[in-house]
Amino acid sequence: MTNLDERTRNRLLGVLFIGVLMAALDIAIVGPALPVIQATFGVDERAIAWVFAIYVLFNLIGTPLMAKLSDTFGRRSIYILDVALFALGSLMVALAPSFAVLLVGRAIQGFGAGGIFPVASAVIGDTFPVEKRGTALGLIGAVFGIAFLLGPIVGGVLLMFGWQWLFVINLPIAALVIALGYRLLPTRGATQRLPFDWTGMAVLSAMLAALAYGLNQIDSSAGLRGIASLSVWPFLLGALLLLPVFLAAERRAADPIIRLRLFGSRQVSLTAALAAGAGLSETAVVFIPALLVVAFGYSSSTASFMLLPMVLAMAVGSPASGRALDRIGSRAVVLAGSALIGVSLLLEALLPSSLVMFFVFSALFGLGVAVLLGASLRYIMLNEAPASERASAQGIITVFTGVGQLFGAVFIGALASSGGGGVAGYGAGFLFVGIVMLLLTAASLGLKSRGEELETVKRHAAESAVQATA
């Protein structure tokens, strides 16, 4: 479907942009409402944390399922389904008579949102020529920086009318996306539908749920001793035991949820590792306000505002890296992004009490995260996966990023706690992640050159043409 005219492609990109922005804004604006929600339902800090945790959990589960359904039944129907589920969850949260119903609504929101970004990325692969995919992905990736810029402002305004409006606002946006998406999104699904891999989906969901729950239950202040809790280690062990079961199920499935042969490509394996590293790094943002409080004595609100340079760098870095992908290919861009993250984290770890160095770190780190998570890794997967598996391949990026985020919260939190919650502890956490990213930077030298990437794209295009005429 790359024969669409430029005007139609731009309108389509606008629909995808609005849908992804809606989901991203929800993450950014919920934070300010948590104290009010906590007071409304009279729950404690442990319970209110599940407003985020249950969203992340069901987002992880929804991603591979929605991505696979998109490859099977077509982009339009699944993208609209995802947006509709997100809207339904938003409505349930806004009208929730109890905290339990609110959590169910957040779970439905996360489940629907799980497919929005992977399907949007796959649509770009379906409709944009290879020389323009990077730019389009970069614009979609910039949504997250924009969301974190607008989120606090939008959240603050809506909170004046009641916290429920933070979720009600999603309804007209979702209606607009569904109406425009029905007109513009491609409809073609798989030419040959094989039996759906329900076994693989069930095992993968259970494995991700056990991993997410176990990691979320770790008390980071207890360090490694937190893993010994009965609310932690049985779930982590369960996730580990389910891994070989899942791999066996995927090898037997006629149409697996995750096609393991994709990982036979060094390009895909490196990309998955980089996605996990990017997720690990992204978690550092959660701990930066606490570091600013202990290092400089700022208030929590002031510390949050000091993230603005980083967010601006993210908003600028994603579209810029997207254009670079179209010109020079992914290897150079990924090397730059991962190196920026690694170097910036090492600088902040070694000089945590320097205000000047903090702003240098913020700019470099924001650019690095934007480069990796904004466009480049998804661009690689679009090139590596055949057209019939584009969304599933995009789901791999989301799942590995989410797993990296889960582990990052545990490791950085544990290292910070081991240092007594002081500057040295946070420095140790950032140092650990920085070293991981520099190792991944070195591994990125093994990615394909621009010429090799284009050859892969041509091969997949030829294979798709043969399948279409068969």
Protein backbone atom coordinates (compact mmCIF):
# COMPACT_ATOMS: atom_id res chain seq x y z
CA MET A 1 0.00 0.00 0.00
CA THR A 2 2.97 2.32 -0.47
CA ASN A 3 1.27 3.69 -3.60
CA LEU A 4 -0.83 6.13 -1.55
CA ASP A 5 -0.36 9.77 -2.51
CA GLU A 6 1.52 12.05 -0.12
CA ARG A 7 -1.58 13.97 0.99
CA THR A 8 -3.37 10.75 2.01
CA ARG A 9 -0.27 9.49 3.82
CA ASN A 10 0.00 12.76 5.77
CA ARG A 11 -3.66 12.58 6.79
CA LEU A 12 -3.15 8.98 7.86
CA LEU A 13 -0.07 9.98 9.85
CA GLY A 14 -2.18 12.63 11.60
CA VAL A 15 -4.71 9.99 12.71
CA LEU A 16 -1.94 7.76 14.06
CA PHE A 17 -0.33 10.75 15.80
CA ILE A 18 -3.55 11.70 17.62
CA GLY A 19 -4.16 8.12 18.74
CA VAL A 20 -0.66 7.66 20.13
CA LEU A 21 -0.76 11.12 21.74
CA MET A 22 -4.02 10.23 23.51
CA ALA A 23 -2.45 7.12 25.05
CA ALA A 24 0.80 8.92 25.93
CA LEU A 25 -1.00 11.87 27.52
CA ASP A 26 -2.91 9.51 29.78
CA ILE A 27 0.38 8.38 31.34
CA ALA A 28 1.61 11.95 31.77
CA ILE A 29 -1.55 13.45 33.32
CA VAL A 30 -2.53 10.68 35.74
CA GLY A 31 0.33 11.40 38.18
CA PRO A 32 -1.04 14.73 39.50
CA ALA A 33 -4.44 13.11 40.11
CA LEU A 34 -3.19 10.27 42.30
CA PRO A 35 -3.44 12.14 45.64
CA VAL A 36 -7.02 13.17 44.84
CA ILE A 37 -7.98 9.64 43.74
CA GLN A 38 -6.38 8.26 46.89
CA ALA A 39 -8.43 10.62 49.06
CA THR A 40 -11.63 9.92 47.11
CA PHE A 41 -11.50 6.16 47.66
CA GLY A 42 -9.64 6.19 50.99
CA VAL A 43 -6.87 3.78 49.96
CA ASP A 44 -3.25 3.64 51.16
CA GLU A 45 -0.03 4.28 49.22
CA ARG A 46 0.44 0.61 48.38
CA ALA A 47 -3.01 0.39 46.82
CA ILE A 48 -2.80 3.66 44.88
CA ALA A 49 0.43 2.43 43.24
CA TRP A 50 -1.69 -0.15 41.42
CA VAL A 51 -3.27 2.63 39.34
CA PHE A 52 0.03 2.64 37.43
CA ALA A 53 1.06 -0.98 37.96
CA ILE A 54 -2.11 -2.58 36.60
CA TYR A 55 -1.96 -0.35 33.52
CA VAL A 56 1.64 -1.46 32.83
CA LEU A 57 0.78 -5.11 33.44
CA PHE A 58 -2.15 -5.24 31.01
CA ASN A 59 -0.28 -3.07 28.52
CA LEU A 60 2.43 -5.74 28.40
CA ILE A 61 -0.16 -8.49 27.92
CA GLY A 62 -2.15 -6.57 25.31
CA THR A 63 0.82 -5.65 23.14
CA PRO A 64 1.69 -9.07 21.62
CA LEU A 65 -1.98 -10.07 21.30
CA MET A 66 -3.10 -6.89 19.54
CA ALA A 67 -0.02 -6.85 17.34
CA LYS A 68 -0.67 -10.42 16.18
CA LEU A 69 -4.36 -9.76 15.61
CA SER A 70 -3.39 -6.75 13.50
CA ASP A 71 -1.21 -8.92 11.27
CA THR A 72 -4.05 -11.44 10.94
CA PHE A 73 -7.21 -9.33 10.61
CA GLY A 74 -5.86 -6.04 9.29
CA ARG A 75 -4.71 -2.74 10.77
CA ARG A 76 -7.96 -0.79 10.68
CA SER A 77 -10.16 -3.15 12.69
CA ILE A 78 -7.56 -3.75 15.42
CA TYR A 79 -6.43 -0.13 15.71
CA ILE A 80 -10.06 0.95 16.09
CA LEU A 81 -10.62 -1.86 18.62
CA ASP A 82 -7.59 -0.70 20.62
CA VAL A 83 -8.81 2.91 20.69
CA ALA A 84 -12.34 1.79 21.60
CA LEU A 85 -11.04 -0.34 24.49
CA PHE A 86 -8.96 2.60 25.70
CA ALA A 87 -12.07 4.80 25.62
CA LEU A 88 -14.16 2.17 27.43
CA GLY A 89 -11.53 1.89 30.15
CA SER A 90 -11.42 5.68 30.47
CA LEU A 91 -15.19 5.82 30.89
CA MET A 92 -15.11 3.09 33.56
CA VAL A 93 -12.42 4.97 35.50
CA ALA A 94 -14.35 8.25 35.32
CA LEU A 95 -17.60 6.65 36.52
CA ALA A 96 -16.02 4.17 38.95
CA PRO A 97 -18.15 3.75 42.11
CA SER A 98 -15.29 1.93 43.85
CA PHE A 99 -11.52 1.61 43.69
CA ALA A 100 -11.83 -1.96 42.38
CA VAL A 101 -13.87 -0.78 39.37
CA LEU A 102 -11.33 1.98 38.77
CA LEU A 103 -8.55 -0.62 38.60
CA VAL A 104 -10.58 -2.71 36.13
CA GLY A 105 -10.95 0.40 33.98
CA ARG A 106 -7.19 1.05 34.13
CA ALA A 107 -6.57 -2.58 33.13
CA ILE A 108 -8.83 -2.19 30.07
CA GLN A 109 -7.09 1.08 29.22
CA GLY A 110 -3.68 -0.57 29.37
CA PHE A 111 -4.86 -3.58 27.38
CA GLY A 112 -6.16 -1.37 24.56
CA ALA A 113 -3.18 0.97 24.63
CA GLY A 114 -0.88 -2.03 24.23
CA GLY A 115 -1.70 -2.24 20.54
CA ILE A 116 -1.88 1.45 19.62
CA PHE A 117 1.84 2.15 19.10
CA PRO A 118 2.83 -1.20 17.50
CA VAL A 119 -0.10 -1.09 15.06
CA ALA A 120 0.62 2.57 14.24
CA SER A 121 4.23 1.69 13.46
CA ALA A 122 3.14 -1.24 11.28
CA VAL A 123 0.77 1.03 9.35
CA ILE A 124 3.72 3.31 8.58
CA GLY A 125 5.60 0.28 7.24
CA ASP A 126 2.58 -0.64 5.10
CA THR A 127 1.92 2.79 3.63
CA PHE A 128 5.18 4.78 3.58
CA PRO A 129 8.04 4.10 1.15
CA VAL A 130 11.27 3.03 2.80
CA GLU A 131 12.93 6.39 2.18
CA LYS A 132 10.25 8.15 4.29
CA ARG A 133 9.61 5.62 7.06
CA GLY A 134 12.19 7.06 9.44
CA THR A 135 10.73 10.57 9.26
CA ALA A 136 7.20 9.27 9.86
CA LEU A 137 8.29 7.10 12.80
CA GLY A 138 10.23 10.03 14.24
CA LEU A 139 7.14 12.22 14.25
CA ILE A 140 5.11 9.52 15.99
CA GLY A 141 7.93 8.98 18.50
CA ALA A 142 7.99 12.70 19.33
CA VAL A 143 4.53 12.23 20.85
CA PHE A 144 6.02 11.06 24.13
CA GLY A 145 8.12 14.17 24.60
CA ILE A 146 5.14 16.34 23.69
CA ALA A 147 2.92 14.40 26.09
CA PHE A 148 5.26 15.00 29.02
CA LEU A 149 5.37 18.71 28.13
CA LEU A 150 1.60 19.08 27.87
CA GLY A 151 0.64 16.50 30.49
CA PRO A 152 1.19 18.53 33.66
CA ILE A 153 -0.51 21.58 32.12
CA VAL A 154 -3.53 19.67 30.80
CA GLY A 155 -3.74 17.67 34.02
CA GLY A 156 -3.63 20.80 36.16
CA VAL A 157 -6.43 22.48 34.19
CA LEU A 158 -8.69 19.42 34.14
CA LEU A 159 -8.16 18.76 37.85
CA MET A 160 -9.92 22.07 38.58
CA PHE A 161 -13.12 20.47 37.27
CA GLY A 162 -12.59 17.12 39.02
CA TRP A 163 -10.15 14.27 38.54
CA GLN A 164 -12.69 12.35 36.46
CA TRP A 165 -12.19 14.83 33.62
CA LEU A 166 -8.65 13.54 33.11
CA PHE A 167 -10.29 10.40 31.74
CA VAL A 168 -13.47 11.87 30.22
CA ILE A 169 -11.30 13.98 27.89
CA ASN A 170 -10.23 10.74 26.18
CA LEU A 171 -13.75 10.04 24.91
CA PRO A 172 -14.11 12.77 22.24
CA ILE A 173 -10.50 12.22 21.14
CA ALA A 174 -11.13 8.48 20.77
CA ALA A 175 -14.33 9.15 18.82
CA LEU A 176 -12.40 11.39 16.41
CA VAL A 177 -9.64 8.80 15.93
CA ILE A 178 -12.17 6.01 15.31
CA ALA A 179 -14.11 8.08 12.75
CA LEU A 180 -11.01 9.17 10.84
CA GLY A 181 -9.32 5.79 11.22
CA TYR A 182 -12.32 4.02 9.67
CA ARG A 183 -11.95 6.21 6.58
CA LEU A 184 -8.16 6.20 6.22
CA LEU A 185 -6.57 3.12 7.74
CA PRO A 186 -5.72 0.14 5.50
CA THR A 187 -8.01 -2.87 5.86
CA ARG A 188 -6.12 -5.75 4.31
CA GLY A 189 -5.36 -8.67 6.63
CA ALA A 190 -3.50 -11.92 6.11
CA THR A 191 -4.22 -13.65 2.80
CA GLN A 192 -4.08 -17.03 4.52
CA ARG A 193 -5.39 -17.31 8.09
CA LEU A 194 -3.83 -20.09 10.10
CA PRO A 195 -5.16 -21.28 13.50
CA PHE A 196 -4.56 -18.61 16.13
CA ASP A 197 -1.85 -19.47 18.66
CA TRP A 198 -4.05 -19.36 21.78
CA THR A 199 -1.67 -21.63 23.71
CA GLY A 200 1.30 -19.38 23.06
CA MET A 201 -0.76 -16.29 23.89
CA ALA A 202 -1.97 -17.78 27.19
CA VAL A 203 1.51 -18.87 28.27
CA LEU A 204 3.07 -15.54 27.25
CA SER A 205 0.38 -13.60 29.13
CA ALA A 206 0.89 -15.67 32.27
CA MET A 207 4.66 -15.31 32.03
CA LEU A 208 4.55 -11.53 31.58
CA ALA A 209 1.94 -11.17 34.34
CA ALA A 210 4.02 -13.21 36.79
CA LEU A 211 7.17 -11.26 35.93
CA ALA A 212 5.49 -7.85 36.19
CA TYR A 213 3.70 -8.68 39.44
CA GLY A 214 6.78 -10.21 41.07
CA LEU A 215 9.05 -7.31 40.16
CA ASN A 216 6.45 -4.73 41.24
CA GLN A 217 6.20 -6.39 44.66
CA ILE A 218 9.92 -6.13 45.41
CA ASP A 219 10.67 -3.74 48.26
CA SER A 220 13.66 -1.88 46.83
CA SER A 221 14.59 -0.54 50.28
CA ALA A 222 15.37 -4.12 51.34
CA GLY A 223 17.91 -4.57 48.53
CA LEU A 224 18.35 -8.12 47.29
CA ARG A 225 16.57 -9.41 50.42
CA GLY A 226 13.34 -8.12 48.92
CA ILE A 227 13.41 -10.98 46.40
CA ALA A 228 13.03 -13.49 49.26
CA SER A 229 9.48 -12.31 49.97
CA LEU A 230 6.67 -14.80 49.34
CA SER A 231 4.94 -12.14 47.27
CA VAL A 232 7.97 -11.97 44.96
CA TRP A 233 10.06 -15.10 44.38
CA PRO A 234 7.23 -17.54 43.55
CA PHE A 235 6.08 -15.24 40.75
CA LEU A 236 9.60 -14.70 39.40
CA LEU A 237 10.23 -18.44 39.52
CA GLY A 238 6.92 -19.04 37.76
CA ALA A 239 7.89 -16.61 34.98
CA LEU A 240 11.24 -18.36 34.58
CA LEU A 241 9.63 -21.83 34.40
CA LEU A 242 7.08 -20.64 31.84
CA LEU A 243 9.79 -19.41 29.46
CA PRO A 244 10.75 -22.84 28.06
CA VAL A 245 7.05 -23.76 27.90
CA PHE A 246 6.41 -20.68 25.78
CA LEU A 247 9.37 -21.39 23.49
CA ALA A 248 8.16 -24.97 22.96
CA ALA A 249 4.62 -23.76 22.19
CA GLU A 250 5.91 -21.23 19.64
CA ARG A 251 8.00 -23.86 17.85
CA ARG A 252 4.91 -26.06 17.44
CA ALA A 253 2.44 -23.32 16.48
CA ALA A 254 1.44 -22.93 12.83
CA ASP A 255 1.24 -19.15 13.27
CA PRO A 256 3.09 -18.26 16.50
CA ILE A 257 2.51 -15.07 18.48
CA ILE A 258 6.24 -14.35 18.26
CA ARG A 259 8.01 -16.01 15.35
CA LEU A 260 11.23 -17.25 16.94
CA ARG A 261 13.03 -17.45 13.62
CA LEU A 262 13.12 -13.66 13.61
CA PHE A 263 15.68 -13.90 16.41
CA GLY A 264 17.91 -15.92 14.10
CA SER A 265 18.75 -12.53 12.61
CA ARG A 266 21.54 -10.78 14.50
CA GLN A 267 19.83 -7.51 13.59
CA VAL A 268 16.63 -8.50 15.45
CA SER A 269 18.46 -9.95 18.47
CA LEU A 270 20.54 -6.78 18.87
CA THR A 271 17.45 -4.63 18.46
CA ALA A 272 15.58 -6.54 21.18
CA ALA A 273 18.58 -6.17 23.52
CA LEU A 274 18.76 -2.44 22.76
CA ALA A 275 15.03 -2.10 23.47
CA ALA A 276 15.51 -3.71 26.89
CA GLY A 277 18.50 -1.41 27.53
CA ALA A 278 16.50 1.64 26.50
CA GLY A 279 13.70 0.62 28.88
CA LEU A 280 16.26 0.08 31.64
CA SER A 281 17.64 3.57 30.98
CA GLU A 282 14.23 5.21 30.76
CA THR A 283 13.53 4.12 34.32
CA ALA A 284 16.30 6.45 35.49
CA VAL A 285 13.94 9.36 34.82
CA VAL A 286 11.72 8.18 37.70
CA PHE A 287 14.59 8.54 40.17
CA ILE A 288 15.99 11.87 38.96
CA PRO A 289 13.64 14.09 41.04
CA ALA A 290 14.65 12.16 44.19
CA LEU A 291 18.33 12.64 43.29
CA LEU A 292 17.79 16.39 42.84
CA VAL A 293 16.11 16.58 46.26
CA VAL A 294 19.02 14.91 48.08
CA ALA A 295 21.81 16.48 45.97
CA PHE A 296 20.63 20.09 45.89
CA GLY A 297 17.87 20.31 48.49
CA TYR A 298 15.16 21.25 46.00
CA SER A 299 11.51 20.62 46.71
CA SER A 300 9.82 17.77 44.86
CA SER A 301 7.84 20.17 42.66
CA THR A 302 10.96 22.16 41.71
CA ALA A 303 12.83 18.93 40.97
CA SER A 304 10.06 17.84 38.60
CA PHE A 305 10.21 21.13 36.69
CA MET A 306 13.96 20.65 36.23
CA LEU A 307 13.19 17.71 33.93
CA LEU A 308 11.99 20.21 31.31
CA PRO A 309 15.30 20.33 29.34
CA MET A 310 15.27 16.55 29.09
CA VAL A 311 11.69 16.47 27.86
CA LEU A 312 12.42 19.20 25.29
CA ALA A 313 15.39 17.19 24.05
CA MET A 314 13.14 14.15 23.67
CA ALA A 315 10.56 16.13 21.69
CA VAL A 316 13.26 17.48 19.34
CA GLY A 317 15.43 14.37 19.14
CA SER A 318 12.83 11.93 17.83
CA PRO A 319 11.90 13.72 14.57
CA ALA A 320 15.53 14.68 13.98
CA SER A 321 16.70 11.08 14.36
CA GLY A 322 13.85 9.94 12.08
CA ARG A 323 15.15 12.13 9.26
CA ALA A 324 18.67 10.84 9.89
CA LEU A 325 17.44 7.25 9.56
CA ASP A 326 16.16 7.97 6.05
CA ARG A 327 19.50 9.48 5.05
CA ILE A 328 22.21 7.39 6.68
CA GLY A 329 20.50 4.26 7.99
CA SER A 330 20.01 2.81 11.43
CA ARG A 331 23.49 1.71 12.52
CA ALA A 332 24.99 5.19 12.85
CA VAL A 333 21.82 6.55 14.47
CA VAL A 334 21.58 3.72 17.00
CA LEU A 335 25.27 4.04 17.86
CA ALA A 336 24.79 7.75 18.52
CA GLY A 337 21.64 7.23 20.63
CA SER A 338 22.99 4.44 22.82
CA ALA A 339 26.33 6.22 23.29
CA LEU A 340 24.54 9.43 24.34
CA ILE A 341 22.57 7.54 26.98
CA GLY A 342 25.62 5.66 28.28
CA VAL A 343 27.93 8.69 28.44
CA SER A 344 25.28 10.94 30.02
CA LEU A 345 24.52 8.40 32.75
CA LEU A 346 28.22 7.98 33.53
CA LEU A 347 28.65 11.75 33.78
CA GLU A 348 25.71 12.06 36.16
CA ALA A 349 26.94 9.08 38.20
CA LEU A 350 30.45 10.47 38.59
CA LEU A 351 29.46 14.13 39.10
CA PRO A 352 26.00 13.95 40.71
CA SER A 353 26.41 17.16 42.73
CA SER A 354 27.22 19.43 39.79
CA LEU A 355 24.23 21.46 38.63
CA VAL A 356 25.89 22.30 35.31
CA MET A 357 26.60 18.62 34.70
CA PHE A 358 22.99 17.79 35.50
CA PHE A 359 21.75 19.98 32.66
CA VAL A 360 24.35 18.51 30.31
CA PHE A 361 23.17 15.07 31.36
CA SER A 362 19.53 16.04 30.83
CA ALA A 363 20.09 17.21 27.27
CA LEU A 364 22.26 14.26 26.24
CA PHE A 365 20.08 11.68 27.96
CA GLY A 366 16.86 13.10 26.48
CA LEU A 367 18.34 13.05 22.99
CA GLY A 368 19.62 9.49 23.43
CA VAL A 369 16.30 8.11 24.65
CA ALA A 370 14.46 9.91 21.84
CA VAL A 371 16.81 8.41 19.25
CA LEU A 372 16.42 4.82 20.48
CA LEU A 373 12.77 4.69 21.52
CA GLY A 374 11.45 7.33 19.14
CA ALA A 375 12.16 5.77 15.76
CA SER A 376 15.37 3.84 15.23
CA LEU A 377 14.55 0.48 16.82
CA ARG A 378 11.10 0.40 15.24
CA TYR A 379 12.64 1.37 11.92
CA ILE A 380 14.98 -1.64 12.11
CA MET A 381 12.08 -3.98 12.85
CA LEU A 382 10.06 -2.62 9.92
CA ASN A 383 12.97 -3.43 7.65
CA GLU A 384 13.65 -6.87 9.11
CA ALA A 385 10.13 -8.28 9.39
CA PRO A 386 8.11 -9.40 6.37
CA ALA A 387 4.95 -7.40 5.71
CA SER A 388 2.78 -10.16 7.18
CA GLU A 389 4.53 -9.87 10.57
CA ARG A 390 5.19 -6.14 10.89
CA ALA A 391 2.93 -5.46 13.86
CA SER A 392 4.11 -8.57 15.71
CA ALA A 393 7.71 -7.42 15.24
CA GLN A 394 6.79 -3.98 16.59
CA GLY A 395 5.22 -5.69 19.58
CA ILE A 396 8.59 -7.30 20.34
CA ILE A 397 10.07 -3.81 20.79
CA THR A 398 7.31 -2.78 23.20
CA VAL A 399 7.55 -5.99 25.26
CA PHE A 400 11.35 -5.86 25.60
CA THR A 401 11.22 -2.15 26.48
CA GLY A 402 8.59 -2.86 29.14
CA VAL A 403 10.62 -5.70 30.64
CA GLY A 404 13.67 -3.40 30.73
CA GLN A 405 11.61 -0.79 32.58
CA LEU A 406 10.47 -3.35 35.14
CA PHE A 407 14.01 -4.53 35.85
CA GLY A 408 15.32 -0.96 35.86
CA ALA A 409 12.95 0.08 38.63
CA VAL A 410 14.19 -2.82 40.76
CA PHE A 411 17.94 -2.49 40.14
CA ILE A 412 18.19 1.29 40.37
CA GLY A 413 15.90 1.36 43.40
CA ALA A 414 17.89 -1.37 45.15
CA LEU A 415 21.25 0.30 44.43
CA ALA A 416 19.90 3.67 45.59
CA SER A 417 18.57 2.10 48.80
CA SER A 418 21.86 0.30 49.44
CA GLY A 419 23.48 3.73 49.53
CA GLY A 420 21.00 4.93 52.12
CA GLY A 421 18.93 6.85 49.57
CA GLY A 422 21.73 9.40 49.23
CA VAL A 423 23.67 10.78 46.28
CA ALA A 424 26.10 7.85 46.26
CA GLY A 425 23.28 5.31 46.00
CA TYR A 426 21.64 7.00 43.03
CA GLY A 427 25.06 7.44 41.45
CA ALA A 428 25.65 3.70 41.73
CA GLY A 429 22.33 3.00 40.01
CA PHE A 430 23.09 5.37 37.14
CA LEU A 431 26.61 3.97 36.83
CA PHE A 432 25.24 0.44 36.45
CA VAL A 433 22.81 1.44 33.69
CA GLY A 434 25.44 3.61 31.97
CA ILE A 435 27.86 0.69 31.74
CA VAL A 436 25.12 -1.55 30.33
CA MET A 437 24.35 1.03 27.64
CA LEU A 438 28.01 1.45 26.65
CA LEU A 439 28.28 -2.32 26.26
CA LEU A 440 25.20 -2.25 24.04
CA THR A 441 26.77 0.62 22.08
CA ALA A 442 29.74 -1.60 21.30
CA ALA A 443 27.40 -4.44 20.31
CA SER A 444 25.56 -2.06 17.96
CA LEU A 445 28.58 -2.06 15.67
CA GLY A 446 27.24 -5.43 14.52
CA LEU A 447 24.10 -3.88 13.01
CA LYS A 448 23.67 -3.84 9.24
CA SER A 449 25.03 -1.09 7.06
CA ARG A 450 22.67 1.15 5.07
CA GLY A 451 23.25 -0.89 1.92
CA GLU A 452 22.51 -4.17 3.70
CA GLU A 453 19.32 -2.70 5.18
CA LEU A 454 18.04 -1.68 1.74
CA GLU A 455 18.82 -5.13 0.35
CA THR A 456 16.72 -6.68 3.12
CA VAL A 457 13.82 -4.34 2.34
CA LYS A 458 13.99 -5.25 -1.36
CA ARG A 459 14.00 -8.96 -0.53
CA HIS A 460 10.92 -8.67 1.68
CA ALA A 461 9.15 -6.58 -0.98
CA ALA A 462 9.84 -9.27 -3.58
CA GLU A 463 8.60 -12.01 -1.26
CA SER A 464 5.40 -10.05 -0.55
CA ALA A 465 4.80 -9.58 -4.28
CA VAL A 466 5.16 -13.32 -4.87
CA GLN A 467 2.74 -14.12 -2.01
CA ALA A 468 0.22 -11.58 -3.33
CA THR A 469 0.13 -13.25 -6.74
CA ALA A 470 0.12 -16.82 -5.40
